[in-house]
Amino acid sequence: MNEAINGGYYDPTGNYGDLPETDPTAYKRVIAQDFAYWMILTGWDLKSAYAPDTSPEWTIQNSKEMETNTPLAYALYIDYVRGILANPSRYLASITFESIQTTSD
C-alpha cells in the first residue's frame, strides 16, 4: 500500500472524514481494506470495465499497469489473492440487472 501511496497511485486523503485524527488505528485499517479492494479488482482486470472513473483515490486501471507501477502489490495479488479468491469475470458477464420498483408511502 505504501508503494502505491508513494508512487501517487493510491491517495485516500480526505475520504474518511476526521477518522485519521479521531481514530488513527481504525483509519489505517480502513485504508488498507480500501487498498486491498482496488488492488484485487485491478488484478482481476475489472477496474477499467466496471469502475473506471469511480475511484479518484486509485488510478491504476489494469493488472499490467499494477505490475509495472506497483510491483509489490502485484506480487501480493499473484502470490496470495489469486490462489484464494476467484476472478468473477465469467459470472459477471452472465448477470442481468433489472430496475427495482419502489413504492413511496
PDB file of N, CA and C in Angstrom:
ATOM      1  N   MET A   1       0.825  -1.180   0.000  1.00  0.00           N
ATOM      2  CA  MET A   1       0.000   0.000   0.000  1.00  0.00           C
ATOM      3  C   MET A   1       0.875   1.252   0.000  1.00  0.00           C
ATOM      4  N   ASN A   2       1.923   1.237   0.797  1.00  0.00           N
ATOM      5  CA  ASN A   2       2.805   2.410   0.854  1.00  0.00           C
ATOM      6  C   ASN A   2       3.495   2.651  -0.489  1.00  0.00           C
ATOM      7  N   GLU A   3       3.820   1.578  -1.194  1.00  0.00           N
ATOM      8  CA  GLU A   3       4.404   1.722  -2.525  1.00  0.00           C
ATOM      9  C   GLU A   3       3.440   2.484  -3.449  1.00  0.00           C
ATOM     10  N   ALA A   4       2.164   2.148  -3.396  1.00  0.00           N
ATOM     11  CA  ALA A   4       1.157   2.812  -4.225  1.00  0.00           C
ATOM     12  C   ALA A   4       0.944   4.255  -3.777  1.00  0.00           C
ATOM     13  N   ILE A   5       0.948   4.495  -2.480  1.00  0.00           N
ATOM     14  CA  ILE A   5       0.794   5.857  -1.970  1.00  0.00           C
ATOM     15  C   ILE A   5       1.990   6.711  -2.391  1.00  0.00           C
ATOM     16  N   ASN A   6       3.199   6.185  -2.171  1.00  0.00           N
ATOM     17  CA  ASN A   6       4.416   6.937  -2.515  1.00  0.00           C
ATOM     18  C   ASN A   6       4.538   7.189  -4.011  1.00  0.00           C
ATOM     19  N   GLY A   7       3.997   6.294  -4.824  1.00  0.00           N
ATOM     20  CA  GLY A   7       4.044   6.460  -6.272  1.00  0.00           C
ATOM     21  C   GLY A   7       2.939   7.343  -6.821  1.00  0.00           C
ATOM     22  N   GLY A   8       1.997   7.725  -5.956  1.00  0.00           N
ATOM     23  CA  GLY A   8       0.891   8.567  -6.396  1.00  0.00           C
ATOM     24  C   GLY A   8      -0.240   7.808  -7.066  1.00  0.00           C
ATOM     25  N   TYR A   9      -0.294   6.486  -6.877  1.00  0.00           N
ATOM     26  CA  TYR A   9      -1.343   5.663  -7.486  1.00  0.00           C
ATOM     27  C   TYR A   9      -2.523   5.420  -6.549  1.00  0.00           C
ATOM     28  N   TYR A  10      -2.297   5.620  -5.273  1.00  0.00           N
ATOM     29  CA  TYR A  10      -3.355   5.457  -4.273  1.00  0.00           C
ATOM     30  C   TYR A  10      -3.259   6.613  -3.295  1.00  0.00           C
ATOM     31  N   ASP A  11      -4.339   7.374  -3.184  1.00  0.00           N
ATOM     32  CA  ASP A  11      -4.369   8.520  -2.280  1.00  0.00           C
ATOM     33  C   ASP A  11      -5.722   8.587  -1.568  1.00  0.00           C
ATOM     34  N   PRO A  12      -5.808   8.008  -0.374  1.00  0.00           N
ATOM     35  CA  PRO A  12      -7.076   8.004   0.357  1.00  0.00           C
ATOM     36  C   PRO A  12      -7.349   9.297   1.123  1.00  0.00           C
ATOM     37  N   THR A  13      -6.490  10.298   0.971  1.00  0.00           N
ATOM     38  CA  THR A  13      -6.620  11.557   1.701  1.00  0.00           C
ATOM     39  C   THR A  13      -8.012  12.153   1.534  1.00  0.00           C
ATOM     40  N   GLY A  14      -8.633  12.494   2.636  1.00  0.00           N
ATOM     41  CA  GLY A  14      -9.933  13.170   2.603  1.00  0.00           C
ATOM     42  C   GLY A  14     -11.128  12.272   2.411  1.00  0.00           C
ATOM     43  N   ASN A  15     -10.931  10.976   2.290  1.00  0.00           N
ATOM     44  CA  ASN A  15     -12.059  10.066   2.031  1.00  0.00           C
ATOM     45  C   ASN A  15     -12.800   9.613   3.280  1.00  0.00           C
ATOM     46  N   TYR A  16     -12.234   9.795   4.444  1.00  0.00           N
ATOM     47  CA  TYR A  16     -12.842   9.215   5.641  1.00  0.00           C
ATOM     48  C   TYR A  16     -13.033  10.234   6.749  1.00  0.00           C
ATOM     49  N   GLY A  17     -13.396  11.444   6.366  1.00  0.00           N
ATOM     50  CA  GLY A  17     -13.712  12.478   7.338  1.00  0.00           C
ATOM     51  C   GLY A  17     -12.573  12.729   8.304  1.00  0.00           C
ATOM     52  N   ASP A  18     -12.929  12.786   9.597  1.00  0.00           N
ATOM     53  CA  ASP A  18     -11.920  13.071  10.615  1.00  0.00           C
ATOM     54  C   ASP A  18     -11.345  11.796  11.240  1.00  0.00           C
ATOM     55  N   LEU A  19     -11.589  10.659  10.630  1.00  0.00           N
ATOM     56  CA  LEU A  19     -11.095   9.391  11.171  1.00  0.00           C
ATOM     57  C   LEU A  19      -9.575   9.382  11.369  1.00  0.00           C
ATOM     58  N   PRO A  20      -8.782   9.978  10.476  1.00  0.00           N
ATOM     59  CA  PRO A  20      -7.331   9.976  10.735  1.00  0.00           C
ATOM     60  C   PRO A  20      -6.959  10.635  12.056  1.00  0.00           C
ATOM     61  N   GLU A  21      -7.728  11.640  12.452  1.00  0.00           N
ATOM     62  CA  GLU A  21      -7.428  12.331  13.710  1.00  0.00           C
ATOM     63  C   GLU A  21      -8.103  11.666  14.909  1.00  0.00           C
ATOM     64  N   THR A  22      -9.339  11.217  14.743  1.00  0.00           N
ATOM     65  CA  THR A  22     -10.091  10.673  15.875  1.00  0.00           C
ATOM     66  C   THR A  22      -9.751   9.232  16.203  1.00  0.00           C
ATOM     67  N   ASP A  23      -9.390   8.445  15.194  1.00  0.00           N
ATOM     68  CA  ASP A  23      -9.052   7.045  15.437  1.00  0.00           C
ATOM     69  C   ASP A  23      -8.033   6.575  14.387  1.00  0.00           C
ATOM     70  N   PRO A  24      -6.783   6.942  14.562  1.00  0.00           N
ATOM     71  CA  PRO A  24      -5.752   6.601  13.571  1.00  0.00           C
ATOM     72  C   PRO A  24      -5.626   5.103  13.302  1.00  0.00           C
ATOM     73  N   THR A  25      -5.855   4.279  14.306  1.00  0.00           N
ATOM     74  CA  THR A  25      -5.772   2.834  14.115  1.00  0.00           C
ATOM     75  C   THR A  25      -6.874   2.351  13.175  1.00  0.00           C
ATOM     76  N   ALA A  26      -8.084   2.808  13.405  1.00  0.00           N
ATOM     77  CA  ALA A  26      -9.198   2.435  12.523  1.00  0.00           C
ATOM     78  C   ALA A  26      -8.961   2.968  11.118  1.00  0.00           C
ATOM     79  N   TYR A  27      -8.426   4.182  11.013  1.00  0.00           N
ATOM     80  CA  TYR A  27      -8.148   4.762   9.697  1.00  0.00           C
ATOM     81  C   TYR A  27      -7.163   3.892   8.926  1.00  0.00           C
ATOM     82  N   LYS A  28      -6.107   3.454   9.557  1.00  0.00           N
ATOM     83  CA  LYS A  28      -5.126   2.588   8.888  1.00  0.00           C
ATOM     84  C   LYS A  28      -5.768   1.291   8.426  1.00  0.00           C
ATOM     85  N   ARG A  29      -6.661   0.739   9.240  1.00  0.00           N
ATOM     86  CA  ARG A  29      -7.364  -0.491   8.875  1.00  0.00           C
ATOM     87  C   ARG A  29      -8.282  -0.254   7.675  1.00  0.00           C
ATOM     88  N   VAL A  30      -9.001   0.858   7.693  1.00  0.00           N
ATOM     89  CA  VAL A  30      -9.937   1.178   6.615  1.00  0.00           C
ATOM     90  C   VAL A  30      -9.206   1.409   5.301  1.00  0.00           C
ATOM     91  N   ILE A  31      -8.112   2.171   5.329  1.00  0.00           N
ATOM     92  CA  ILE A  31      -7.428   2.421   4.060  1.00  0.00           C
ATOM     93  C   ILE A  31      -6.732   1.165   3.537  1.00  0.00           C
ATOM     94  N   ALA A  32      -6.300   0.277   4.434  1.00  0.00           N
ATOM     95  CA  ALA A  32      -5.727  -0.997   3.990  1.00  0.00           C
ATOM     96  C   ALA A  32      -6.796  -1.855   3.311  1.00  0.00           C
ATOM     97  N   GLN A  33      -8.005  -1.860   3.860  1.00  0.00           N
ATOM     98  CA  GLN A  33      -9.105  -2.610   3.228  1.00  0.00           C
ATOM     99  C   GLN A  33      -9.489  -2.000   1.892  1.00  0.00           C
ATOM    100  N   ASP A  34      -9.544  -0.670   1.833  1.00  0.00           N
ATOM    101  CA  ASP A  34      -9.862   0.012   0.594  1.00  0.00           C
ATOM    102  C   ASP A  34      -8.799  -0.283  -0.462  1.00  0.00           C
ATOM    103  N   PHE A  35      -7.542  -0.207  -0.064  1.00  0.00           N
ATOM    104  CA  PHE A  35      -6.445  -0.527  -0.985  1.00  0.00           C
ATOM    105  C   PHE A  35      -6.580  -1.961  -1.492  1.00  0.00           C
ATOM    106  N   ALA A  36      -6.849  -2.898  -0.591  1.00  0.00           N
ATOM    107  CA  ALA A  36      -6.984  -4.302  -0.995  1.00  0.00           C
ATOM    108  C   ALA A  36      -8.116  -4.467  -2.009  1.00  0.00           C
ATOM    109  N   TYR A  37      -9.231  -3.784  -1.789  1.00  0.00           N
ATOM    110  CA  TYR A  37     -10.357  -3.851  -2.727  1.00  0.00           C
ATOM    111  C   TYR A  37      -9.916  -3.427  -4.124  1.00  0.00           C
ATOM    112  N   TRP A  38      -9.276  -2.264  -4.228  1.00  0.00           N
ATOM    113  CA  TRP A  38      -8.859  -1.760  -5.537  1.00  0.00           C
ATOM    114  C   TRP A  38      -7.768  -2.627  -6.139  1.00  0.00           C
ATOM    115  N   MET A  39      -6.855  -3.123  -5.328  1.00  0.00           N
ATOM    116  CA  MET A  39      -5.791  -3.986  -5.830  1.00  0.00           C
ATOM    117  C   MET A  39      -6.374  -5.268  -6.426  1.00  0.00           C
ATOM    118  N   ILE A  40      -7.324  -5.868  -5.725  1.00  0.00           N
ATOM    119  CA  ILE A  40      -7.926  -7.116  -6.202  1.00  0.00           C
ATOM    120  C   ILE A  40      -8.746  -6.864  -7.461  1.00  0.00           C
ATOM    121  N   LEU A  41      -9.580  -5.845  -7.465  1.00  0.00           N
ATOM    122  CA  LEU A  41     -10.391  -5.521  -8.637  1.00  0.00           C
ATOM    123  C   LEU A  41      -9.495  -5.268  -9.851  1.00  0.00           C
ATOM    124  N   THR A  42      -8.395  -4.574  -9.629  1.00  0.00           N
ATOM    125  CA  THR A  42      -7.452  -4.283 -10.707  1.00  0.00           C
ATOM    126  C   THR A  42      -6.720  -5.542 -11.145  1.00  0.00           C
ATOM    127  N   GLY A  43      -6.327  -6.377 -10.195  1.00  0.00           N
ATOM    128  CA  GLY A  43      -5.673  -7.641 -10.528  1.00  0.00           C
ATOM    129  C   GLY A  43      -6.543  -8.533 -11.388  1.00  0.00           C
ATOM    130  N   TRP A  44      -7.830  -8.457 -11.174  1.00  0.00           N
ATOM    131  CA  TRP A  44      -8.783  -9.224 -11.984  1.00  0.00           C
ATOM    132  C   TRP A  44      -9.066  -8.550 -13.328  1.00  0.00           C
ATOM    133  N   ASP A  45      -8.480  -7.388 -13.576  1.00  0.00           N
ATOM    134  CA  ASP A  45      -8.736  -6.589 -14.778  1.00  0.00           C
ATOM    135  C   ASP A  45     -10.202  -6.189 -14.894  1.00  0.00           C
ATOM    136  N   LEU A  46     -10.814  -5.896 -13.766  1.00  0.00           N
ATOM    137  CA  LEU A  46     -12.211  -5.458 -13.750  1.00  0.00           C
ATOM    138  C   LEU A  46     -12.348  -3.963 -13.478  1.00  0.00           C
ATOM    139  N   LYS A  47     -11.297  -3.323 -13.022  1.00  0.00           N
ATOM    140  CA  LYS A  47     -11.357  -1.896 -12.685  1.00  0.00           C
ATOM    141  C   LYS A  47     -11.758  -1.058 -13.892  1.00  0.00           C
ATOM    142  N   SER A  48     -11.085  -1.257 -15.004  1.00  0.00           N
ATOM    143  CA  SER A  48     -11.370  -0.431 -16.178  1.00  0.00           C
ATOM    144  C   SER A  48     -12.752  -0.712 -16.762  1.00  0.00           C
ATOM    145  N   ALA A  49     -13.256  -1.919 -16.599  1.00  0.00           N
ATOM    146  CA  ALA A  49     -14.566  -2.272 -17.153  1.00  0.00           C
ATOM    147  C   ALA A  49     -15.722  -1.841 -16.265  1.00  0.00           C
ATOM    148  N   TYR A  50     -15.574  -1.984 -14.951  1.00  0.00           N
ATOM    149  CA  TYR A  50     -16.693  -1.761 -14.044  1.00  0.00           C
ATOM    150  C   TYR A  50     -16.598  -0.497 -13.190  1.00  0.00           C
ATOM    151  N   ALA A  51     -15.414   0.072 -13.055  1.00  0.00           N
ATOM    152  CA  ALA A  51     -15.281   1.256 -12.200  1.00  0.00           C
ATOM    153  C   ALA A  51     -14.167   2.185 -12.685  1.00  0.00           C
ATOM    154  N   PRO A  52     -14.168   2.535 -13.971  1.00  0.00           N
ATOM    155  CA  PRO A  52     -13.038   3.319 -14.476  1.00  0.00           C
ATOM    156  C   PRO A  52     -12.917   4.720 -13.894  1.00  0.00           C
ATOM    157  N   ASP A  53     -14.023   5.346 -13.591  1.00  0.00           N
ATOM    158  CA  ASP A  53     -13.977   6.736 -13.125  1.00  0.00           C
ATOM    159  C   ASP A  53     -14.551   6.917 -11.725  1.00  0.00           C
ATOM    160  N   THR A  54     -14.739   5.842 -11.002  1.00  0.00           N
ATOM    161  CA  THR A  54     -15.418   5.933  -9.715  1.00  0.00           C
ATOM    162  C   THR A  54     -14.473   6.040  -8.524  1.00  0.00           C
ATOM    163  N   SER A  55     -13.185   6.018  -8.776  1.00  0.00           N
ATOM    164  CA  SER A  55     -12.266   5.983  -7.649  1.00  0.00           C
ATOM    165  C   SER A  55     -11.060   6.870  -7.886  1.00  0.00           C
ATOM    166  N   PRO A  56     -11.210   8.153  -7.643  1.00  0.00           N
ATOM    167  CA  PRO A  56     -10.048   9.024  -7.854  1.00  0.00           C
ATOM    168  C   PRO A  56      -8.876   8.677  -6.940  1.00  0.00           C
ATOM    169  N   GLU A  57      -9.148   7.934  -5.857  1.00  0.00           N
ATOM    170  CA  GLU A  57      -8.061   7.566  -4.956  1.00  0.00           C
ATOM    171  C   GLU A  57      -7.171   6.464  -5.533  1.00  0.00           C
ATOM    172  N   TRP A  58      -7.657   5.724  -6.528  1.00  0.00           N
ATOM    173  CA  TRP A  58      -6.892   4.615  -7.114  1.00  0.00           C
ATOM    174  C   TRP A  58      -6.845   4.827  -8.617  1.00  0.00           C
ATOM    175  N   THR A  59      -5.672   5.083  -9.169  1.00  0.00           N
ATOM    176  CA  THR A  59      -5.577   5.476 -10.571  1.00  0.00           C
ATOM    177  C   THR A  59      -5.134   4.374 -11.516  1.00  0.00           C
ATOM    178  N   ILE A  60      -4.741   3.241 -11.017  1.00  0.00           N
ATOM    179  CA  ILE A  60      -4.295   2.136 -11.872  1.00  0.00           C
ATOM    180  C   ILE A  60      -5.523   1.438 -12.447  1.00  0.00           C
ATOM    181  N   GLN A  61      -5.515   1.180 -13.752  1.00  0.00           N
ATOM    182  CA  GLN A  61      -6.698   0.656 -14.431  1.00  0.00           C
ATOM    183  C   GLN A  61      -6.669  -0.840 -14.728  1.00  0.00           C
ATOM    184  N   ASN A  62      -5.489  -1.462 -14.794  1.00  0.00           N
ATOM    185  CA  ASN A  62      -5.444  -2.882 -15.150  1.00  0.00           C
ATOM    186  C   ASN A  62      -4.233  -3.558 -14.522  1.00  0.00           C
ATOM    187  N   SER A  63      -4.197  -4.878 -14.629  1.00  0.00           N
ATOM    188  CA  SER A  63      -3.142  -5.646 -13.953  1.00  0.00           C
ATOM    189  C   SER A  63      -1.761  -5.356 -14.515  1.00  0.00           C
ATOM    190  N   LYS A  64      -1.662  -5.066 -15.800  1.00  0.00           N
ATOM    191  CA  LYS A  64      -0.359  -4.750 -16.384  1.00  0.00           C
ATOM    192  C   LYS A  64       0.196  -3.453 -15.801  1.00  0.00           C
ATOM    193  N   GLU A  65      -0.680  -2.440 -15.659  1.00  0.00           N
ATOM    194  CA  GLU A  65      -0.261  -1.188 -15.008  1.00  0.00           C
ATOM    195  C   GLU A  65       0.142  -1.445 -13.565  1.00  0.00           C
ATOM    196  N   MET A  66      -0.601  -2.306 -12.883  1.00  0.00           N
ATOM    197  CA  MET A  66      -0.285  -2.609 -11.488  1.00  0.00           C
ATOM    198  C   MET A  66       1.065  -3.313 -11.394  1.00  0.00           C
ATOM    199  N   GLU A  67       1.317  -4.236 -12.297  1.00  0.00           N
ATOM    200  CA  GLU A  67       2.600  -4.940 -12.294  1.00  0.00           C
ATOM    201  C   GLU A  67       3.756  -3.973 -12.528  1.00  0.00           C
ATOM    202  N   THR A  68       3.575  -3.044 -13.451  1.00  0.00           N
ATOM    203  CA  THR A  68       4.630  -2.082 -13.789  1.00  0.00           C
ATOM    204  C   THR A  68       4.831  -1.039 -12.699  1.00  0.00           C
ATOM    205  N   ASN A  69       3.728  -0.481 -12.182  1.00  0.00           N
ATOM    206  CA  ASN A  69       3.813   0.671 -11.284  1.00  0.00           C
ATOM    207  C   ASN A  69       3.889   0.317  -9.806  1.00  0.00           C
ATOM    208  N   THR A  70       3.312  -0.806  -9.433  1.00  0.00           N
ATOM    209  CA  THR A  70       3.340  -1.226  -8.031  1.00  0.00           C
ATOM    210  C   THR A  70       3.673  -2.727  -7.968  1.00  0.00           C
ATOM    211  N   PRO A  71       4.924  -3.076  -8.251  1.00  0.00           N
ATOM    212  CA  PRO A  71       5.288  -4.494  -8.293  1.00  0.00           C
ATOM    213  C   PRO A  71       5.057  -5.242  -6.981  1.00  0.00           C
ATOM    214  N   LEU A  72       5.146  -4.574  -5.843  1.00  0.00           N
ATOM    215  CA  LEU A  72       4.877  -5.260  -4.571  1.00  0.00           C
ATOM    216  C   LEU A  72       3.401  -5.626  -4.447  1.00  0.00           C
ATOM    217  N   ALA A  73       2.526  -4.710  -4.833  1.00  0.00           N
ATOM    218  CA  ALA A  73       1.085  -5.003  -4.808  1.00  0.00           C
ATOM    219  C   ALA A  73       0.761  -6.116  -5.788  1.00  0.00           C
ATOM    220  N   TYR A  74       1.375  -6.072  -6.951  1.00  0.00           N
ATOM    221  CA  TYR A  74       1.134  -7.116  -7.948  1.00  0.00           C
ATOM    222  C   TYR A  74       1.596  -8.475  -7.425  1.00  0.00           C
ATOM    223  N   ALA A  75       2.763  -8.510  -6.803  1.00  0.00           N
ATOM    224  CA  ALA A  75       3.272  -9.770  -6.230  1.00  0.00           C
ATOM    225  C   ALA A  75       2.339 -10.278  -5.137  1.00  0.00           C
ATOM    226  N   LEU A  76       1.829  -9.374  -4.302  1.00  0.00           N
ATOM    227  CA  LEU A  76       0.867  -9.758  -3.268  1.00  0.00           C
ATOM    228  C   LEU A  76      -0.368 -10.386  -3.901  1.00  0.00           C
ATOM    229  N   TYR A  77      -0.868  -9.756  -4.954  1.00  0.00           N
ATOM    230  CA  TYR A  77      -2.027 -10.299  -5.662  1.00  0.00           C
ATOM    231  C   TYR A  77      -1.709 -11.687  -6.235  1.00  0.00           C
ATOM    232  N   ILE A  78      -0.604 -11.820  -6.947  1.00  0.00           N
ATOM    233  CA  ILE A  78      -0.237 -13.087  -7.595  1.00  0.00           C
ATOM    234  C   ILE A  78       0.030 -14.180  -6.558  1.00  0.00           C
ATOM    235  N   ASP A  79       0.807 -13.867  -5.535  1.00  0.00           N
ATOM    236  CA  ASP A  79       1.241 -14.883  -4.573  1.00  0.00           C
ATOM    237  C   ASP A  79       0.160 -15.323  -3.594  1.00  0.00           C
ATOM    238  N   TYR A  80      -0.795 -14.443  -3.299  1.00  0.00           N
ATOM    239  CA  TYR A  80      -1.774 -14.779  -2.261  1.00  0.00           C
ATOM    240  C   TYR A  80      -3.221 -14.684  -2.728  1.00  0.00           C
ATOM    241  N   VAL A  81      -3.609 -13.541  -3.231  1.00  0.00           N
ATOM    242  CA  VAL A  81      -5.020 -13.310  -3.548  1.00  0.00           C
ATOM    243  C   VAL A  81      -5.509 -14.237  -4.644  1.00  0.00           C
ATOM    244  N   ARG A  82      -4.756 -14.340  -5.714  1.00  0.00           N
ATOM    245  CA  ARG A  82      -5.184 -15.141  -6.865  1.00  0.00           C
ATOM    246  C   ARG A  82      -5.463 -16.597  -6.494  1.00  0.00           C
ATOM    247  N   GLY A  83      -4.747 -17.122  -5.540  1.00  0.00           N
ATOM    248  CA  GLY A  83      -4.950 -18.510  -5.120  1.00  0.00           C
ATOM    249  C   GLY A  83      -6.111 -18.697  -4.155  1.00  0.00           C
ATOM    250  N   ILE A  84      -6.627 -17.612  -3.605  1.00  0.00           N
ATOM    251  CA  ILE A  84      -7.697 -17.698  -2.618  1.00  0.00           C
ATOM    252  C   ILE A  84      -9.045 -17.251  -3.175  1.00  0.00           C
ATOM    253  N   LEU A  85      -9.052 -16.133  -3.885  1.00  0.00           N
ATOM    254  CA  LEU A  85     -10.292 -15.577  -4.426  1.00  0.00           C
ATOM    255  C   LEU A  85     -10.372 -15.825  -5.928  1.00  0.00           C
ATOM    256  N   ALA A  86     -11.535 -16.234  -6.387  1.00  0.00           N
ATOM    257  CA  ALA A  86     -11.726 -16.494  -7.811  1.00  0.00           C
ATOM    258  C   ALA A  86     -12.154 -15.226  -8.539  1.00  0.00           C
ATOM    259  N   ASN A  87     -11.607 -15.033  -9.717  1.00  0.00           N
ATOM    260  CA  ASN A  87     -11.987 -13.910 -10.564  1.00  0.00           C
ATOM    261  C   ASN A  87     -13.425 -14.135 -11.044  1.00  0.00           C
ATOM    262  N   PRO A  88     -14.322 -13.206 -10.761  1.00  0.00           N
ATOM    263  CA  PRO A  88     -15.737 -13.400 -11.111  1.00  0.00           C
ATOM    264  C   PRO A  88     -16.102 -12.970 -12.539  1.00  0.00           C
ATOM    265  N   SER A  89     -15.127 -12.717 -13.399  1.00  0.00           N
ATOM    266  CA  SER A  89     -15.402 -12.180 -14.734  1.00  0.00           C
ATOM    267  C   SER A  89     -16.450 -12.968 -15.509  1.00  0.00           C
ATOM    268  N   ARG A  90     -16.302 -14.272 -15.562  1.00  0.00           N
ATOM    269  CA  ARG A  90     -17.248 -15.053 -16.371  1.00  0.00           C
ATOM    270  C   ARG A  90     -18.654 -15.023 -15.782  1.00  0.00           C
ATOM    271  N   TYR A  91     -18.765 -14.871 -14.476  1.00  0.00           N
ATOM    272  CA  TYR A  91     -20.081 -14.793 -13.844  1.00  0.00           C
ATOM    273  C   TYR A  91     -20.709 -13.415 -14.041  1.00  0.00           C
ATOM    274  N   LEU A  92     -19.886 -12.370 -13.978  1.00  0.00           N
ATOM    275  CA  LEU A  92     -20.400 -11.010 -14.157  1.00  0.00           C
ATOM    276  C   LEU A  92     -21.003 -10.816 -15.535  1.00  0.00           C
ATOM    277  N   ALA A  93     -20.420 -11.444 -16.544  1.00  0.00           N
ATOM    278  CA  ALA A  93     -20.927 -11.308 -17.910  1.00  0.00           C
ATOM    279  C   ALA A  93     -22.317 -11.916 -18.064  1.00  0.00           C
ATOM    280  N   SER A  94     -22.667 -12.870 -17.198  1.00  0.00           N
ATOM    281  CA  SER A  94     -23.965 -13.533 -17.336  1.00  0.00           C
ATOM    282  C   SER A  94     -25.064 -12.915 -16.467  1.00  0.00           C
ATOM    283  N   ILE A  95     -24.713 -11.925 -15.673  1.00  0.00           N
ATOM    284  CA  ILE A  95     -25.698 -11.303 -14.780  1.00  0.00           C
ATOM    285  C   ILE A  95     -26.452 -10.209 -15.522  1.00  0.00           C
ATOM    286  N   THR A  96     -27.753 -10.228 -15.356  1.00  0.00           N
ATOM    287  CA  THR A  96     -28.593  -9.172 -15.908  1.00  0.00           C
ATOM    288  C   THR A  96     -29.184  -8.401 -14.746  1.00  0.00           C
ATOM    289  N   PHE A  97     -29.043  -7.098 -14.805  1.00  0.00           N
ATOM    290  CA  PHE A  97     -29.577  -6.267 -13.742  1.00  0.00           C
ATOM    291  C   PHE A  97     -30.892  -5.650 -14.197  1.00  0.00           C
ATOM    292  N   GLU A  98     -31.838  -5.625 -13.302  1.00  0.00           N
ATOM    293  CA  GLU A  98     -33.137  -5.020 -13.587  1.00  0.00           C
ATOM    294  C   GLU A  98     -33.362  -3.869 -12.627  1.00  0.00           C
ATOM    295  N   SER A  99     -34.189  -2.939 -13.063  1.00  0.00           N
ATOM    296  CA  SER A  99     -34.559  -1.858 -12.162  1.00  0.00           C
ATOM    297  C   SER A  99     -35.463  -2.400 -11.076  1.00  0.00           C
ATOM    298  N   ILE A 100     -35.289  -1.883  -9.901  1.00  0.00           N
ATOM    299  CA  ILE A 100     -36.124  -2.302  -8.789  1.00  0.00           C
ATOM    300  C   ILE A 100     -37.224  -1.257  -8.611  1.00  0.00           C
ATOM    301  N   GLN A 101     -38.442  -1.701  -8.650  1.00  0.00           N
ATOM    302  CA  GLN A 101     -39.572  -0.803  -8.440  1.00  0.00           C
ATOM    303  C   GLN A 101     -39.668  -0.500  -6.957  1.00  0.00           C
ATOM    304  N   THR A 102     -39.810   0.752  -6.639  1.00  0.00           N
ATOM    305  CA  THR A 102     -40.019   1.143  -5.253  1.00  0.00           C
ATOM    306  C   THR A 102     -41.332   1.901  -5.155  1.00  0.00           C
ATOM    307  N   THR A 103     -41.925   1.766  -4.036  1.00  0.00           N
ATOM    308  CA  THR A 103     -43.175   2.494  -3.806  1.00  0.00           C
ATOM    309  C   THR A 103     -42.945   3.489  -2.698  1.00  0.00           C
ATOM    310  N   SER A 104     -43.555   4.628  -2.822  1.00  0.00           N
ATOM    311  CA  SER A 104     -43.431   5.606  -1.740  1.00  0.00           C
ATOM    312  C   SER A 104     -44.701   5.561  -0.912  1.00  0.00           C
ATOM    313  N   ASP A 105     -44.530   5.651   0.355  1.00  0.00           N
ATOM    314  CA  ASP A 105     -45.689   5.595   1.254  1.00  0.00           C
ATOM    315  C   ASP A 105     -46.238   6.978   1.510  1.00  0.00           C
TER     316      ASP A 105
END
